[in-house]
């Protein structure tokens, strides 16, 4: 098959669960590294405390009371990281498991339509 011919049943390169997992892991790793080194350089936390702080922000749990940013720049960076990291976590899980939930949704719709058809025939 030539590359210029249209392909009808070609799978998208994101179709593989392994590929989607790799892209999700890369995104989450990048966001965690960005947050860890950002907080480390702005606030002067140790790398472990910075990673802990970033992971708490990224998972939506909020910062631990013992490790809160003190400087204005640190607080602004934390606000920025909260939006970016939570959004990237949600997007990663949606991208990773979206095809599964899409198939599950379609199966549910088909079953619902079958039941609806049985009920409407039963009423008649």
C-alpha atoms as a PDB file:
ATOM      1  CA  UNK A   1       0.000   0.000   0.000  1.00  0.00           C
ATOM      2  CA  UNK A   2       1.356   3.384  -0.935  1.00  0.00           C
ATOM      3  CA  UNK A   3       1.524   6.111   1.677  1.00  0.00           C
ATOM      4  CA  UNK A   4      -0.518   8.460  -0.527  1.00  0.00           C
ATOM      5  CA  UNK A   5      -3.494   6.066  -0.638  1.00  0.00           C
ATOM      6  CA  UNK A   6      -6.207   6.726   1.912  1.00  0.00           C
ATOM      7  CA  UNK A   7      -6.288   4.147   4.646  1.00  0.00           C
ATOM      8  CA  UNK A   8      -9.642   3.149   5.977  1.00  0.00           C
ATOM      9  CA  UNK A   9      -8.772   0.949   8.945  1.00  0.00           C
ATOM     10  CA  UNK A  10      -5.509   2.457  10.042  1.00  0.00           C
ATOM     11  CA  UNK A  11      -5.141   2.681  13.802  1.00  0.00           C
ATOM     12  CA  UNK A  12      -4.123   5.955  15.342  1.00  0.00           C
ATOM     13  CA  UNK A  13      -0.667   5.910  16.933  1.00  0.00           C
ATOM     14  CA  UNK A  14      -2.219   6.724  20.331  1.00  0.00           C
ATOM     15  CA  UNK A  15      -4.438   3.629  20.121  1.00  0.00           C
ATOM     16  CA  UNK A  16      -2.036   1.342  21.958  1.00  0.00           C
ATOM     17  CA  UNK A  17      -2.496   1.306  25.722  1.00  0.00           C
ATOM     18  CA  UNK A  18       1.287   1.210  26.069  1.00  0.00           C
ATOM     19  CA  UNK A  19       1.702   4.367  23.966  1.00  0.00           C
ATOM     20  CA  UNK A  20      -1.011   6.194  25.885  1.00  0.00           C
ATOM     21  CA  UNK A  21       0.584   5.063  29.143  1.00  0.00           C
ATOM     22  CA  UNK A  22       3.971   6.344  28.025  1.00  0.00           C
ATOM     23  CA  UNK A  23       2.589   9.782  27.094  1.00  0.00           C
ATOM     24  CA  UNK A  24       0.675  10.021  30.367  1.00  0.00           C
ATOM     25  CA  UNK A  25       3.697   9.006  32.410  1.00  0.00           C
ATOM     26  CA  UNK A  26       5.871  11.492  30.528  1.00  0.00           C
ATOM     27  CA  UNK A  27       3.385  14.315  31.186  1.00  0.00           C
ATOM     28  CA  UNK A  28       3.020  13.518  34.885  1.00  0.00           C
ATOM     29  CA  UNK A  29       6.790  13.135  35.301  1.00  0.00           C
ATOM     30  CA  UNK A  30       7.425  16.459  33.565  1.00  0.00           C
ATOM     31  CA  UNK A  31       4.888  18.277  35.761  1.00  0.00           C
ATOM     32  CA  UNK A  32       6.259  16.713  38.958  1.00  0.00           C
ATOM     33  CA  UNK A  33       9.841  17.582  38.003  1.00  0.00           C
ATOM     34  CA  UNK A  34       8.859  21.134  37.086  1.00  0.00           C
ATOM     35  CA  UNK A  35       7.083  21.606  40.406  1.00  0.00           C
ATOM     36  CA  UNK A  36       9.814  19.925  42.439  1.00  0.00           C
ATOM     37  CA  UNK A  37      12.670  21.967  41.015  1.00  0.00           C
ATOM     38  CA  UNK A  38      10.559  25.138  40.957  1.00  0.00           C
ATOM     39  CA  UNK A  39       9.677  24.949  44.649  1.00  0.00           C
ATOM     40  CA  UNK A  40      13.216  23.841  45.470  1.00  0.00           C
ATOM     41  CA  UNK A  41      14.741  26.871  43.766  1.00  0.00           C
ATOM     42  CA  UNK A  42      12.113  29.419  44.868  1.00  0.00           C
ATOM     43  CA  UNK A  43      11.509  28.373  48.479  1.00  0.00           C
ATOM     44  CA  UNK A  44      14.733  26.539  49.238  1.00  0.00           C
ATOM     45  CA  UNK A  45      12.985  23.331  50.367  1.00  0.00           C
ATOM     46  CA  UNK A  46      14.967  20.113  50.186  1.00  0.00           C
ATOM     47  CA  UNK A  47      14.331  18.014  47.089  1.00  0.00           C
ATOM     48  CA  UNK A  48      12.331  15.462  49.090  1.00  0.00           C
ATOM     49  CA  UNK A  49      10.173  18.175  50.665  1.00  0.00           C
ATOM     50  CA  UNK A  50       9.747  19.822  47.279  1.00  0.00           C
ATOM     51  CA  UNK A  51       8.658  16.562  45.673  1.00  0.00           C
ATOM     52  CA  UNK A  52       6.306  15.826  48.578  1.00  0.00           C
ATOM     53  CA  UNK A  53       4.820  19.315  48.342  1.00  0.00           C
ATOM     54  CA  UNK A  54       4.388  19.067  44.567  1.00  0.00           C
ATOM     55  CA  UNK A  55       2.795  15.620  44.749  1.00  0.00           C
ATOM     56  CA  UNK A  56       0.330  16.857  47.368  1.00  0.00           C
ATOM     57  CA  UNK A  57      -0.611  19.806  45.152  1.00  0.00           C
ATOM     58  CA  UNK A  58      -0.810  17.616  42.021  1.00  0.00           C
ATOM     59  CA  UNK A  59      -3.174  15.099  43.570  1.00  0.00           C
ATOM     60  CA  UNK A  60      -5.511  17.795  44.838  1.00  0.00           C
ATOM     61  CA  UNK A  61      -4.911  17.106  48.519  1.00  0.00           C
ATOM     62  CA  UNK A  62      -3.365  20.495  49.129  1.00  0.00           C
ATOM     63  CA  UNK A  63      -0.091  21.299  50.811  1.00  0.00           C
ATOM     64  CA  UNK A  64       0.864  19.870  54.167  1.00  0.00           C
ATOM     65  CA  UNK A  65       0.758  22.518  56.910  1.00  0.00           C
ATOM     66  CA  UNK A  66       4.443  22.029  57.687  1.00  0.00           C
ATOM     67  CA  UNK A  67       5.532  22.788  54.118  1.00  0.00           C
ATOM     68  CA  UNK A  68       3.815  25.912  52.906  1.00  0.00           C
ATOM     69  CA  UNK A  69       5.460  28.509  50.692  1.00  0.00           C
ATOM     70  CA  UNK A  70       6.528  31.692  52.450  1.00  0.00           C
ATOM     71  CA  UNK A  71       7.482  34.012  49.608  1.00  0.00           C
ATOM     72  CA  UNK A  72       5.040  35.717  47.271  1.00  0.00           C
ATOM     73  CA  UNK A  73       6.711  34.124  44.254  1.00  0.00           C
ATOM     74  CA  UNK A  74       6.440  30.696  45.900  1.00  0.00           C
ATOM     75  CA  UNK A  75       2.733  31.214  46.562  1.00  0.00           C
ATOM     76  CA  UNK A  76       2.125  32.327  42.965  1.00  0.00           C
ATOM     77  CA  UNK A  77       4.129  29.395  41.623  1.00  0.00           C
ATOM     78  CA  UNK A  78       2.100  27.039  43.818  1.00  0.00           C
ATOM     79  CA  UNK A  79      -1.156  28.478  42.466  1.00  0.00           C
ATOM     80  CA  UNK A  80       0.113  28.022  38.915  1.00  0.00           C
ATOM     81  CA  UNK A  81       1.259  24.476  39.662  1.00  0.00           C
ATOM     82  CA  UNK A  82      -2.076  23.604  41.268  1.00  0.00           C
ATOM     83  CA  UNK A  83      -3.959  24.424  38.066  1.00  0.00           C
ATOM     84  CA  UNK A  84      -1.381  22.834  35.772  1.00  0.00           C
ATOM     85  CA  UNK A  85      -0.730  19.697  37.804  1.00  0.00           C
ATOM     86  CA  UNK A  86      -4.319  18.810  38.699  1.00  0.00           C
ATOM     87  CA  UNK A  87      -5.364  19.440  35.106  1.00  0.00           C
ATOM     88  CA  UNK A  88      -2.559  17.283  33.746  1.00  0.00           C
ATOM     89  CA  UNK A  89      -3.377  14.454  36.173  1.00  0.00           C
ATOM     90  CA  UNK A  90      -7.045  14.464  35.195  1.00  0.00           C
ATOM     91  CA  UNK A  91      -6.187  14.734  31.501  1.00  0.00           C
ATOM     92  CA  UNK A  92      -3.682  11.870  31.784  1.00  0.00           C
ATOM     93  CA  UNK A  93      -6.169   9.525  33.407  1.00  0.00           C
ATOM     94  CA  UNK A  94      -8.825  10.525  30.892  1.00  0.00           C
ATOM     95  CA  UNK A  95      -6.435   9.969  27.987  1.00  0.00           C
ATOM     96  CA  UNK A  96      -5.242   6.659  29.407  1.00  0.00           C
ATOM     97  CA  UNK A  97      -8.622   5.144  30.284  1.00  0.00           C
ATOM     98  CA  UNK A  98     -10.885   7.101  27.909  1.00  0.00           C
ATOM     99  CA  UNK A  99     -11.124   4.393  25.235  1.00  0.00           C
ATOM    100  CA  UNK A 100     -12.108   1.830  27.868  1.00  0.00           C
ATOM    101  CA  UNK A 101     -14.823   4.055  29.299  1.00  0.00           C
ATOM    102  CA  UNK A 102     -15.967   4.928  25.776  1.00  0.00           C
ATOM    103  CA  UNK A 103     -16.456   1.233  24.978  1.00  0.00           C
ATOM    104  CA  UNK A 104     -18.197   0.707  28.298  1.00  0.00           C
ATOM    105  CA  UNK A 105     -20.485   3.654  27.571  1.00  0.00           C
ATOM    106  CA  UNK A 106     -21.351   2.308  24.106  1.00  0.00           C
ATOM    107  CA  UNK A 107     -22.168  -1.119  25.549  1.00  0.00           C
ATOM    108  CA  UNK A 108     -24.392   0.557  28.136  1.00  0.00           C
ATOM    109  CA  UNK A 109     -26.202   2.563  25.469  1.00  0.00           C
ATOM    110  CA  UNK A 110     -26.788  -0.556  23.357  1.00  0.00           C
ATOM    111  CA  UNK A 111     -28.165  -2.447  26.375  1.00  0.00           C
ATOM    112  CA  UNK A 112     -30.382   0.508  27.281  1.00  0.00           C
ATOM    113  CA  UNK A 113     -31.754   0.733  23.741  1.00  0.00           C
ATOM    114  CA  UNK A 114     -32.449  -3.015  23.734  1.00  0.00           C
ATOM    115  CA  UNK A 115     -34.339  -2.753  27.010  1.00  0.00           C
ATOM    116  CA  UNK A 116     -36.252   0.279  25.762  1.00  0.00           C
ATOM    117  CA  UNK A 117     -37.227  -1.606  22.610  1.00  0.00           C
ATOM    118  CA  UNK A 118     -38.464  -4.566  24.695  1.00  0.00           C
ATOM    119  CA  UNK A 119     -40.500  -2.249  26.913  1.00  0.00           C
ATOM    120  CA  UNK A 120     -42.090  -0.395  24.017  1.00  0.00           C
ATOM    121  CA  UNK A 121     -43.029  -3.685  22.325  1.00  0.00           C
ATOM    122  CA  UNK A 122     -44.445  -4.950  25.586  1.00  0.00           C
ATOM    123  CA  UNK A 123     -46.706  -1.882  25.937  1.00  0.00           C
ATOM    124  CA  UNK A 124     -48.145  -2.362  22.461  1.00  0.00           C
END
